Amino acid sequence: MNGLLEESVSLLNAGLLPGESTAANAVGYKQFMEYFLKMQEQKEEEGSKVWRPCYEDFITTVWDFQKQTRRLAQDQLTWFRKESDFKWVCTKVRFFLSSPRCIRLR
């Protein structure tokens, strides 16, 4: 996750704000960019020179990131199920301890 955090900071440093571009609106980037902006605002309000991240805010951001990732995955599955150009093929391979899945091939 360090790569995502560093890239989120890089986007902010480049002048992008959450929701202003496709990159800044992507799952993960948007949540962490908003987190860093909130932390920056708190730092400025307190007049502090030291950035003190809030554990609770960070965990909430991670949970939102996870929720949005699950939502995106569900949306993608819904899209694939509606596509008639694919043929579902059942596999016996188990991914991440999940039940056997079906995939579609063209």
PDB file of N, CA and C in Angstrom:
ATOM      1  N   MET A   1       0.811  -1.184   0.000  1.00  0.00           N
ATOM      2  CA  MET A   1       0.000   0.000   0.000  1.00  0.00           C
ATOM      3  C   MET A   1       0.858   1.253   0.000  1.00  0.00           C
ATOM      4  N   ASN A   2       2.120   1.156   0.361  1.00  0.00           N
ATOM      5  CA  ASN A   2       2.983   2.340   0.362  1.00  0.00           C
ATOM      6  C   ASN A   2       3.048   2.991  -1.009  1.00  0.00           C
ATOM      7  N   GLY A   3       3.034   2.193  -2.070  1.00  0.00           N
ATOM      8  CA  GLY A   3       3.063   2.753  -3.413  1.00  0.00           C
ATOM      9  C   GLY A   3       1.847   3.618  -3.676  1.00  0.00           C
ATOM     10  N   LEU A   4       0.690   3.149  -3.243  1.00  0.00           N
ATOM     11  CA  LEU A   4      -0.547   3.909  -3.414  1.00  0.00           C
ATOM     12  C   LEU A   4      -0.498   5.208  -2.623  1.00  0.00           C
ATOM     13  N   LEU A   5       0.002   5.146  -1.416  1.00  0.00           N
ATOM     14  CA  LEU A   5       0.094   6.346  -0.585  1.00  0.00           C
ATOM     15  C   LEU A   5       1.052   7.356  -1.211  1.00  0.00           C
ATOM     16  N   GLU A   6       2.203   6.879  -1.657  1.00  0.00           N
ATOM     17  CA  GLU A   6       3.187   7.765  -2.277  1.00  0.00           C
ATOM     18  C   GLU A   6       2.655   8.371  -3.578  1.00  0.00           C
ATOM     19  N   GLU A   7       1.965   7.559  -4.369  1.00  0.00           N
ATOM     20  CA  GLU A   7       1.412   8.074  -5.622  1.00  0.00           C
ATOM     21  C   GLU A   7       0.296   9.085  -5.345  1.00  0.00           C
ATOM     22  N   SER A   8      -0.486   8.857  -4.306  1.00  0.00           N
ATOM     23  CA  SER A   8      -1.541   9.807  -3.937  1.00  0.00           C
ATOM     24  C   SER A   8      -0.935  11.155  -3.567  1.00  0.00           C
ATOM     25  N   VAL A   9       0.135  11.124  -2.802  1.00  0.00           N
ATOM     26  CA  VAL A   9       0.829  12.357  -2.432  1.00  0.00           C
ATOM     27  C   VAL A   9       1.412  13.024  -3.683  1.00  0.00           C
ATOM     28  N   SER A  10       1.973  12.230  -4.589  1.00  0.00           N
ATOM     29  CA  SER A  10       2.539  12.782  -5.831  1.00  0.00           C
ATOM     30  C   SER A  10       1.475  13.487  -6.662  1.00  0.00           C
ATOM     31  N   LEU A  11       0.278  12.902  -6.733  1.00  0.00           N
ATOM     32  CA  LEU A  11      -0.804  13.545  -7.477  1.00  0.00           C
ATOM     33  C   LEU A  11      -1.194  14.874  -6.833  1.00  0.00           C
ATOM     34  N   LEU A  12      -1.254  14.885  -5.503  1.00  0.00           N
ATOM     35  CA  LEU A  12      -1.556  16.134  -4.797  1.00  0.00           C
ATOM     36  C   LEU A  12      -0.467  17.174  -5.037  1.00  0.00           C
ATOM     37  N   ASN A  13       0.783  16.738  -4.979  1.00  0.00           N
ATOM     38  CA  ASN A  13       1.909  17.649  -5.217  1.00  0.00           C
ATOM     39  C   ASN A  13       1.922  18.177  -6.641  1.00  0.00           C
ATOM     40  N   ALA A  14       1.338  17.407  -7.566  1.00  0.00           N
ATOM     41  CA  ALA A  14       1.257  17.843  -8.961  1.00  0.00           C
ATOM     42  C   ALA A  14       0.089  18.800  -9.177  1.00  0.00           C
ATOM     43  N   GLY A  15      -0.672  19.045  -8.115  1.00  0.00           N
ATOM     44  CA  GLY A  15      -1.771  20.001  -8.209  1.00  0.00           C
ATOM     45  C   GLY A  15      -3.130  19.396  -8.488  1.00  0.00           C
ATOM     46  N   LEU A  16      -3.209  18.071  -8.558  1.00  0.00           N
ATOM     47  CA  LEU A  16      -4.499  17.430  -8.792  1.00  0.00           C
ATOM     48  C   LEU A  16      -5.263  17.299  -7.477  1.00  0.00           C
ATOM     49  N   LEU A  17      -6.568  17.421  -7.559  1.00  0.00           N
ATOM     50  CA  LEU A  17      -7.433  17.231  -6.400  1.00  0.00           C
ATOM     51  C   LEU A  17      -8.364  16.066  -6.675  1.00  0.00           C
ATOM     52  N   PRO A  18      -8.862  15.398  -5.627  1.00  0.00           N
ATOM     53  CA  PRO A  18      -9.761  14.260  -5.839  1.00  0.00           C
ATOM     54  C   PRO A  18     -10.949  14.656  -6.709  1.00  0.00           C
ATOM     55  N   GLY A  19     -11.234  13.832  -7.707  1.00  0.00           N
ATOM     56  CA  GLY A  19     -12.369  14.067  -8.579  1.00  0.00           C
ATOM     57  C   GLY A  19     -12.086  14.967  -9.765  1.00  0.00           C
ATOM     58  N   GLU A  20     -10.898  15.542  -9.856  1.00  0.00           N
ATOM     59  CA  GLU A  20     -10.585  16.464 -10.954  1.00  0.00           C
ATOM     60  C   GLU A  20     -10.135  15.757 -12.222  1.00  0.00           C
ATOM     61  N   SER A  21      -9.687  14.537 -12.111  1.00  0.00           N
ATOM     62  CA  SER A  21      -9.230  13.801 -13.286  1.00  0.00           C
ATOM     63  C   SER A  21      -9.519  12.324 -13.071  1.00  0.00           C
ATOM     64  N   THR A  22      -9.355  11.561 -14.133  1.00  0.00           N
ATOM     65  CA  THR A  22      -9.574  10.119 -14.024  1.00  0.00           C
ATOM     66  C   THR A  22      -8.628   9.510 -12.996  1.00  0.00           C
ATOM     67  N   ALA A  23      -7.363   9.900 -13.029  1.00  0.00           N
ATOM     68  CA  ALA A  23      -6.382   9.353 -12.089  1.00  0.00           C
ATOM     69  C   ALA A  23      -6.738   9.718 -10.652  1.00  0.00           C
ATOM     70  N   ALA A  24      -7.156  10.933 -10.439  1.00  0.00           N
ATOM     71  CA  ALA A  24      -7.461  11.392  -9.085  1.00  0.00           C
ATOM     72  C   ALA A  24      -8.807  10.882  -8.596  1.00  0.00           C
ATOM     73  N   ASN A  25      -9.581  10.256  -9.475  1.00  0.00           N
ATOM     74  CA  ASN A  25     -10.882   9.726  -9.088  1.00  0.00           C
ATOM     75  C   ASN A  25     -10.870   8.203  -8.983  1.00  0.00           C
ATOM     76  N   ALA A  26      -9.736   7.589  -9.278  1.00  0.00           N
ATOM     77  CA  ALA A  26      -9.627   6.133  -9.240  1.00  0.00           C
ATOM     78  C   ALA A  26      -9.749   5.622  -7.805  1.00  0.00           C
ATOM     79  N   VAL A  27     -10.268   4.397  -7.682  1.00  0.00           N
ATOM     80  CA  VAL A  27     -10.430   3.786  -6.363  1.00  0.00           C
ATOM     81  C   VAL A  27      -9.081   3.732  -5.668  1.00  0.00           C
ATOM     82  N   GLY A  28      -9.041   4.154  -4.459  1.00  0.00           N
ATOM     83  CA  GLY A  28      -7.813   4.179  -3.670  1.00  0.00           C
ATOM     84  C   GLY A  28      -7.177   5.552  -3.693  1.00  0.00           C
ATOM     85  N   TYR A  29      -6.902   6.053  -4.870  1.00  0.00           N
ATOM     86  CA  TYR A  29      -6.291   7.375  -4.982  1.00  0.00           C
ATOM     87  C   TYR A  29      -7.219   8.433  -4.391  1.00  0.00           C
ATOM     88  N   LYS A  30      -8.484   8.388  -4.760  1.00  0.00           N
ATOM     89  CA  LYS A  30      -9.436   9.388  -4.272  1.00  0.00           C
ATOM     90  C   LYS A  30      -9.512   9.356  -2.748  1.00  0.00           C
ATOM     91  N   GLN A  31      -9.642   8.162  -2.175  1.00  0.00           N
ATOM     92  CA  GLN A  31      -9.781   8.043  -0.718  1.00  0.00           C
ATOM     93  C   GLN A  31      -8.541   8.574  -0.001  1.00  0.00           C
ATOM     94  N   PHE A  32      -7.355   8.192  -0.473  1.00  0.00           N
ATOM     95  CA  PHE A  32      -6.146   8.612   0.228  1.00  0.00           C
ATOM     96  C   PHE A  32      -5.794  10.070  -0.042  1.00  0.00           C
ATOM     97  N   MET A  33      -6.142  10.582  -1.209  1.00  0.00           N
ATOM     98  CA  MET A  33      -5.924  12.002  -1.457  1.00  0.00           C
ATOM     99  C   MET A  33      -6.808  12.830  -0.522  1.00  0.00           C
ATOM    100  N   GLU A  34      -8.063  12.390  -0.356  1.00  0.00           N
ATOM    101  CA  GLU A  34      -8.956  13.091   0.575  1.00  0.00           C
ATOM    102  C   GLU A  34      -8.421  13.002   2.003  1.00  0.00           C
ATOM    103  N   TYR A  35      -7.875  11.852   2.377  1.00  0.00           N
ATOM    104  CA  TYR A  35      -7.294  11.678   3.714  1.00  0.00           C
ATOM    105  C   TYR A  35      -6.135  12.652   3.930  1.00  0.00           C
ATOM    106  N   PHE A  36      -5.217  12.727   2.959  1.00  0.00           N
ATOM    107  CA  PHE A  36      -4.067  13.618   3.105  1.00  0.00           C
ATOM    108  C   PHE A  36      -4.489  15.084   3.140  1.00  0.00           C
ATOM    109  N   LEU A  37      -5.488  15.435   2.336  1.00  0.00           N
ATOM    110  CA  LEU A  37      -5.983  16.816   2.368  1.00  0.00           C
ATOM    111  C   LEU A  37      -6.594  17.146   3.731  1.00  0.00           C
ATOM    112  N   LYS A  38      -7.334  16.200   4.289  1.00  0.00           N
ATOM    113  CA  LYS A  38      -7.931  16.402   5.618  1.00  0.00           C
ATOM    114  C   LYS A  38      -6.844  16.567   6.681  1.00  0.00           C
ATOM    115  N   MET A  39      -5.810  15.750   6.594  1.00  0.00           N
ATOM    116  CA  MET A  39      -4.719  15.851   7.561  1.00  0.00           C
ATOM    117  C   MET A  39      -3.996  17.191   7.415  1.00  0.00           C
ATOM    118  N   GLN A  40      -3.834  17.649   6.168  1.00  0.00           N
ATOM    119  CA  GLN A  40      -3.187  18.945   5.929  1.00  0.00           C
ATOM    120  C   GLN A  40      -4.019  20.075   6.532  1.00  0.00           C
ATOM    121  N   GLU A  41      -5.338  20.013   6.353  1.00  0.00           N
ATOM    122  CA  GLU A  41      -6.227  21.034   6.918  1.00  0.00           C
ATOM    123  C   GLU A  41      -6.129  21.056   8.441  1.00  0.00           C
ATOM    124  N   GLN A  42      -6.114  19.869   9.050  1.00  0.00           N
ATOM    125  CA  GLN A  42      -6.012  19.796  10.511  1.00  0.00           C
ATOM    126  C   GLN A  42      -4.686  20.365  10.989  1.00  0.00           C
ATOM    127  N   LYS A  43      -3.636  20.080  10.263  1.00  0.00           N
ATOM    128  CA  LYS A  43      -2.308  20.600  10.620  1.00  0.00           C
ATOM    129  C   LYS A  43      -2.314  22.121  10.573  1.00  0.00           C
ATOM    130  N   GLU A  44      -2.917  22.674   9.531  1.00  0.00           N
ATOM    131  CA  GLU A  44      -2.973  24.133   9.394  1.00  0.00           C
ATOM    132  C   GLU A  44      -3.857  24.766  10.467  1.00  0.00           C
ATOM    133  N   GLU A  45      -4.981  24.112  10.807  1.00  0.00           N
ATOM    134  CA  GLU A  45      -5.867  24.638  11.839  1.00  0.00           C
ATOM    135  C   GLU A  45      -5.184  24.680  13.201  1.00  0.00           C
ATOM    136  N   GLU A  46      -4.401  23.651  13.484  1.00  0.00           N
ATOM    137  CA  GLU A  46      -3.703  23.578  14.768  1.00  0.00           C
ATOM    138  C   GLU A  46      -2.470  24.462  14.797  1.00  0.00           C
ATOM    139  N   GLY A  47      -2.041  24.924  13.644  1.00  0.00           N
ATOM    140  CA  GLY A  47      -0.820  25.715  13.573  1.00  0.00           C
ATOM    141  C   GLY A  47       0.409  24.888  13.868  1.00  0.00           C
ATOM    142  N   SER A  48       0.291  23.601  13.660  1.00  0.00           N
ATOM    143  CA  SER A  48       1.383  22.681  13.954  1.00  0.00           C
ATOM    144  C   SER A  48       2.337  22.585  12.774  1.00  0.00           C
ATOM    145  N   LYS A  49       3.605  22.425  13.072  1.00  0.00           N
ATOM    146  CA  LYS A  49       4.604  22.209  12.026  1.00  0.00           C
ATOM    147  C   LYS A  49       4.810  20.721  11.779  1.00  0.00           C
ATOM    148  N   VAL A  50       4.296  19.905  12.694  1.00  0.00           N
ATOM    149  CA  VAL A  50       4.466  18.460  12.597  1.00  0.00           C
ATOM    150  C   VAL A  50       3.144  17.836  12.184  1.00  0.00           C
ATOM    151  N   TRP A  51       3.210  16.952  11.201  1.00  0.00           N
ATOM    152  CA  TRP A  51       2.016  16.254  10.755  1.00  0.00           C
ATOM    153  C   TRP A  51       1.816  15.035  11.636  1.00  0.00           C
ATOM    154  N   ARG A  52       0.680  14.991  12.327  1.00  0.00           N
ATOM    155  CA  ARG A  52       0.359  13.856  13.187  1.00  0.00           C
ATOM    156  C   ARG A  52      -0.841  13.119  12.611  1.00  0.00           C
ATOM    157  N   PRO A  53      -0.586  12.012  11.910  1.00  0.00           N
ATOM    158  CA  PRO A  53      -1.711  11.283  11.329  1.00  0.00           C
ATOM    159  C   PRO A  53      -2.607  10.704  12.413  1.00  0.00           C
ATOM    160  N   CYS A  54      -3.888  10.703  12.132  1.00  0.00           N
ATOM    161  CA  CYS A  54      -4.875  10.162  13.066  1.00  0.00           C
ATOM    162  C   CYS A  54      -5.142   8.712  12.693  1.00  0.00           C
ATOM    163  N   TYR A  55      -4.924   7.818  13.633  1.00  0.00           N
ATOM    164  CA  TYR A  55      -5.100   6.385  13.391  1.00  0.00           C
ATOM    165  C   TYR A  55      -6.531   6.080  12.961  1.00  0.00           C
ATOM    166  N   GLU A  56      -7.508   6.651  13.651  1.00  0.00           N
ATOM    167  CA  GLU A  56      -8.913   6.370  13.348  1.00  0.00           C
ATOM    168  C   GLU A  56      -9.277   6.828  11.935  1.00  0.00           C
ATOM    169  N   ASP A  57      -8.802   8.016  11.554  1.00  0.00           N
ATOM    170  CA  ASP A  57      -9.076   8.514  10.202  1.00  0.00           C
ATOM    171  C   ASP A  57      -8.416   7.632   9.148  1.00  0.00           C
ATOM    172  N   PHE A  58      -7.214   7.157   9.449  1.00  0.00           N
ATOM    173  CA  PHE A  58      -6.522   6.294   8.491  1.00  0.00           C
ATOM    174  C   PHE A  58      -7.279   4.980   8.310  1.00  0.00           C
ATOM    175  N   ILE A  59      -7.708   4.380   9.417  1.00  0.00           N
ATOM    176  CA  ILE A  59      -8.455   3.116   9.342  1.00  0.00           C
ATOM    177  C   ILE A  59      -9.767   3.318   8.598  1.00  0.00           C
ATOM    178  N   THR A  60     -10.447   4.426   8.854  1.00  0.00           N
ATOM    179  CA  THR A  60     -11.692   4.726   8.142  1.00  0.00           C
ATOM    180  C   THR A  60     -11.432   4.855   6.645  1.00  0.00           C
ATOM    181  N   THR A  61     -10.322   5.476   6.285  1.00  0.00           N
ATOM    182  CA  THR A  61      -9.949   5.622   4.877  1.00  0.00           C
ATOM    183  C   THR A  61      -9.674   4.260   4.256  1.00  0.00           C
ATOM    184  N   VAL A  62      -8.978   3.394   4.966  1.00  0.00           N
ATOM    185  CA  VAL A  62      -8.691   2.046   4.458  1.00  0.00           C
ATOM    186  C   VAL A  62      -9.998   1.283   4.268  1.00  0.00           C
ATOM    187  N   TRP A  63     -10.915   1.382   5.227  1.00  0.00           N
ATOM    188  CA  TRP A  63     -12.207   0.699   5.101  1.00  0.00           C
ATOM    189  C   TRP A  63     -12.986   1.207   3.891  1.00  0.00           C
ATOM    190  N   ASP A  64     -12.957   2.532   3.674  1.00  0.00           N
ATOM    191  CA  ASP A  64     -13.656   3.091   2.518  1.00  0.00           C
ATOM    192  C   ASP A  64     -13.012   2.601   1.226  1.00  0.00           C
ATOM    193  N   PHE A  65     -11.693   2.543   1.204  1.00  0.00           N
ATOM    194  CA  PHE A  65     -10.957   2.016   0.054  1.00  0.00           C
ATOM    195  C   PHE A  65     -11.379   0.576  -0.235  1.00  0.00           C
ATOM    196  N   GLN A  66     -11.455  -0.247   0.813  1.00  0.00           N
ATOM    197  CA  GLN A  66     -11.860  -1.637   0.648  1.00  0.00           C
ATOM    198  C   GLN A  66     -13.308  -1.740   0.150  1.00  0.00           C
ATOM    199  N   LYS A  67     -14.183  -0.914   0.708  1.00  0.00           N
ATOM    200  CA  LYS A  67     -15.592  -0.925   0.300  1.00  0.00           C
ATOM    201  C   LYS A  67     -15.733  -0.535  -1.172  1.00  0.00           C
ATOM    202  N   GLN A  68     -15.017   0.520  -1.584  1.00  0.00           N
ATOM    203  CA  GLN A  68     -15.096   0.959  -2.974  1.00  0.00           C
ATOM    204  C   GLN A  68     -14.486  -0.073  -3.928  1.00  0.00           C
ATOM    205  N   THR A  69     -13.460  -0.791  -3.465  1.00  0.00           N
ATOM    206  CA  THR A  69     -12.860  -1.851  -4.279  1.00  0.00           C
ATOM    207  C   THR A  69     -13.860  -2.980  -4.487  1.00  0.00           C
ATOM    208  N   ARG A  70     -14.556  -3.373  -3.414  1.00  0.00           N
ATOM    209  CA  ARG A  70     -15.580  -4.423  -3.542  1.00  0.00           C
ATOM    210  C   ARG A  70     -16.704  -3.971  -4.468  1.00  0.00           C
ATOM    211  N   ARG A  71     -17.108  -2.719  -4.348  1.00  0.00           N
ATOM    212  CA  ARG A  71     -18.172  -2.184  -5.203  1.00  0.00           C
ATOM    213  C   ARG A  71     -17.745  -2.208  -6.666  1.00  0.00           C
ATOM    214  N   LEU A  72     -16.500  -1.812  -6.942  1.00  0.00           N
ATOM    215  CA  LEU A  72     -15.988  -1.836  -8.309  1.00  0.00           C
ATOM    216  C   LEU A  72     -15.967  -3.266  -8.850  1.00  0.00           C
ATOM    217  N   ALA A  73     -15.510  -4.211  -8.048  1.00  0.00           N
ATOM    218  CA  ALA A  73     -15.466  -5.615  -8.482  1.00  0.00           C
ATOM    219  C   ALA A  73     -16.874  -6.121  -8.786  1.00  0.00           C
ATOM    220  N   GLN A  74     -17.837  -5.761  -7.951  1.00  0.00           N
ATOM    221  CA  GLN A  74     -19.215  -6.179  -8.185  1.00  0.00           C
ATOM    222  C   GLN A  74     -19.762  -5.567  -9.469  1.00  0.00           C
ATOM    223  N   ASP A  75     -19.468  -4.294  -9.694  1.00  0.00           N
ATOM    224  CA  ASP A  75     -19.899  -3.633 -10.926  1.00  0.00           C
ATOM    225  C   ASP A  75     -19.298  -4.305 -12.154  1.00  0.00           C
ATOM    226  N   GLN A  76     -18.026  -4.699 -12.048  1.00  0.00           N
ATOM    227  CA  GLN A  76     -17.375  -5.367 -13.169  1.00  0.00           C
ATOM    228  C   GLN A  76     -18.014  -6.728 -13.439  1.00  0.00           C
ATOM    229  N   LEU A  77     -18.305  -7.481 -12.374  1.00  0.00           N
ATOM    230  CA  LEU A  77     -18.970  -8.779 -12.556  1.00  0.00           C
ATOM    231  C   LEU A  77     -20.342  -8.602 -13.183  1.00  0.00           C
ATOM    232  N   THR A  78     -21.073  -7.608 -12.752  1.00  0.00           N
ATOM    233  CA  THR A  78     -22.391  -7.330 -13.322  1.00  0.00           C
ATOM    234  C   THR A  78     -22.264  -7.024 -14.809  1.00  0.00           C
ATOM    235  N   TRP A  79     -21.279  -6.219 -15.170  1.00  0.00           N
ATOM    236  CA  TRP A  79     -21.066  -5.876 -16.575  1.00  0.00           C
ATOM    237  C   TRP A  79     -20.754  -7.130 -17.394  1.00  0.00           C
ATOM    238  N   PHE A  80     -19.845  -7.973 -16.889  1.00  0.00           N
ATOM    239  CA  PHE A  80     -19.477  -9.187 -17.626  1.00  0.00           C
ATOM    240  C   PHE A  80     -20.667 -10.125 -17.781  1.00  0.00           C
ATOM    241  N   ARG A  81     -21.505 -10.222 -16.760  1.00  0.00           N
ATOM    242  CA  ARG A  81     -22.669 -11.109 -16.837  1.00  0.00           C
ATOM    243  C   ARG A  81     -23.649 -10.651 -17.902  1.00  0.00           C
ATOM    244  N   LYS A  82     -23.734  -9.353 -18.138  1.00  0.00           N
ATOM    245  CA  LYS A  82     -24.669  -8.814 -19.132  1.00  0.00           C
ATOM    246  C   LYS A  82     -24.148  -8.933 -20.561  1.00  0.00           C
ATOM    247  N   GLU A  83     -22.858  -9.120 -20.718  1.00  0.00           N
ATOM    248  CA  GLU A  83     -22.261  -9.222 -22.051  1.00  0.00           C
ATOM    249  C   GLU A  83     -22.567 -10.592 -22.658  1.00  0.00           C
ATOM    250  N   SER A  84     -23.129 -10.592 -23.841  1.00  0.00           N
ATOM    251  CA  SER A  84     -23.493 -11.858 -24.480  1.00  0.00           C
ATOM    252  C   SER A  84     -22.363 -12.431 -25.341  1.00  0.00           C
ATOM    253  N   ASP A  85     -21.301 -11.672 -25.538  1.00  0.00           N
ATOM    254  CA  ASP A  85     -20.193 -12.136 -26.382  1.00  0.00           C
ATOM    255  C   ASP A  85     -19.239 -13.091 -25.671  1.00  0.00           C
ATOM    256  N   PHE A  86     -19.498 -13.357 -24.428  1.00  0.00           N
ATOM    257  CA  PHE A  86     -18.612 -14.220 -23.654  1.00  0.00           C
ATOM    258  C   PHE A  86     -19.306 -15.527 -23.327  1.00  0.00           C
ATOM    259  N   LYS A  87     -18.515 -16.567 -23.183  1.00  0.00           N
ATOM    260  CA  LYS A  87     -19.041 -17.871 -22.782  1.00  0.00           C
ATOM    261  C   LYS A  87     -18.469 -18.200 -21.414  1.00  0.00           C
ATOM    262  N   TRP A  88     -19.339 -18.525 -20.477  1.00  0.00           N
ATOM    263  CA  TRP A  88     -18.889 -18.869 -19.130  1.00  0.00           C
ATOM    264  C   TRP A  88     -18.302 -20.268 -19.136  1.00  0.00           C
ATOM    265  N   VAL A  89     -17.145 -20.429 -18.524  1.00  0.00           N
ATOM    266  CA  VAL A  89     -16.470 -21.716 -18.395  1.00  0.00           C
ATOM    267  C   VAL A  89     -16.191 -21.937 -16.919  1.00  0.00           C
ATOM    268  N   CYS A  90     -16.700 -23.038 -16.371  1.00  0.00           N
ATOM    269  CA  CYS A  90     -16.472 -23.324 -14.949  1.00  0.00           C
ATOM    270  C   CYS A  90     -15.057 -23.858 -14.745  1.00  0.00           C
ATOM    271  N   THR A  91     -14.446 -23.425 -13.690  1.00  0.00           N
ATOM    272  CA  THR A  91     -13.084 -23.859 -13.360  1.00  0.00           C
ATOM    273  C   THR A  91     -13.102 -24.514 -11.992  1.00  0.00           C
ATOM    274  N   LYS A  92     -12.101 -25.304 -11.743  1.00  0.00           N
ATOM    275  CA  LYS A  92     -11.964 -25.911 -10.424  1.00  0.00           C
ATOM    276  C   LYS A  92     -10.889 -25.214  -9.608  1.00  0.00           C
ATOM    277  N   VAL A  93     -10.291 -24.191 -10.197  1.00  0.00           N
ATOM    278  CA  VAL A  93      -9.248 -23.432  -9.513  1.00  0.00           C
ATOM    279  C   VAL A  93      -9.903 -22.538  -8.481  1.00  0.00           C
ATOM    280  N   ARG A  94      -9.347 -22.519  -7.292  1.00  0.00           N
ATOM    281  CA  ARG A  94      -9.893 -21.673  -6.237  1.00  0.00           C
ATOM    282  C   ARG A  94      -8.984 -20.463  -6.063  1.00  0.00           C
ATOM    283  N   PHE A  95      -9.581 -19.287  -6.077  1.00  0.00           N
ATOM    284  CA  PHE A  95      -8.849 -18.052  -5.901  1.00  0.00           C
ATOM    285  C   PHE A  95      -9.117 -17.505  -4.512  1.00  0.00           C
ATOM    286  N   PHE A  96      -8.070 -17.284  -3.754  1.00  0.00           N
ATOM    287  CA  PHE A  96      -8.173 -16.661  -2.439  1.00  0.00           C
ATOM    288  C   PHE A  96      -9.209 -17.350  -1.552  1.00  0.00           C
ATOM    289  N   LEU A  97      -9.209 -18.664  -1.568  1.00  0.00           N
ATOM    290  CA  LEU A  97     -10.085 -19.478  -0.732  1.00  0.00           C
ATOM    291  C   LEU A  97     -11.569 -19.270  -1.017  1.00  0.00           C
ATOM    292  N   SER A  98     -11.882 -18.738  -2.182  1.00  0.00           N
ATOM    293  CA  SER A  98     -13.286 -18.559  -2.536  1.00  0.00           C
ATOM    294  C   SER A  98     -13.815 -19.834  -3.171  1.00  0.00           C
ATOM    295  N   SER A  99     -15.092 -19.895  -3.354  1.00  0.00           N
ATOM    296  CA  SER A  99     -15.687 -21.060  -3.989  1.00  0.00           C
ATOM    297  C   SER A  99     -15.290 -21.102  -5.464  1.00  0.00           C
ATOM    298  N   PRO A 100     -15.410 -22.264  -6.108  1.00  0.00           N
ATOM    299  CA  PRO A 100     -15.080 -22.331  -7.536  1.00  0.00           C
ATOM    300  C   PRO A 100     -15.901 -21.313  -8.314  1.00  0.00           C
ATOM    301  N   ARG A 101     -15.286 -20.692  -9.285  1.00  0.00           N
ATOM    302  CA  ARG A 101     -15.922 -19.626 -10.056  1.00  0.00           C
ATOM    303  C   ARG A 101     -16.036 -20.036 -11.521  1.00  0.00           C
ATOM    304  N   CYS A 102     -16.845 -19.304 -12.223  1.00  0.00           N
ATOM    305  CA  CYS A 102     -16.944 -19.454 -13.661  1.00  0.00           C
ATOM    306  C   CYS A 102     -16.360 -18.218 -14.298  1.00  0.00           C
ATOM    307  N   ILE A 103     -15.679 -18.411 -15.400  1.00  0.00           N
ATOM    308  CA  ILE A 103     -15.133 -17.280 -16.149  1.00  0.00           C
ATOM    309  C   ILE A 103     -15.712 -17.313 -17.540  1.00  0.00           C
ATOM    310  N   ARG A 104     -15.677 -16.198 -18.209  1.00  0.00           N
ATOM    311  CA  ARG A 104     -16.195 -16.142 -19.567  1.00  0.00           C
ATOM    312  C   ARG A 104     -15.040 -15.967 -20.535  1.00  0.00           C
ATOM    313  N   LEU A 105     -15.113 -16.715 -21.618  1.00  0.00           N
ATOM    314  CA  LEU A 105     -14.127 -16.607 -22.686  1.00  0.00           C
ATOM    315  C   LEU A 105     -14.835 -16.193 -23.961  1.00  0.00           C
ATOM    316  N   ARG A 106     -14.156 -15.433 -24.780  1.00  0.00           N
ATOM    317  CA  ARG A 106     -14.754 -15.046 -26.079  1.00  0.00           C
ATOM    318  C   ARG A 106     -14.649 -16.182 -27.041  1.00  0.00           C
TER     319      ARG A 106
END
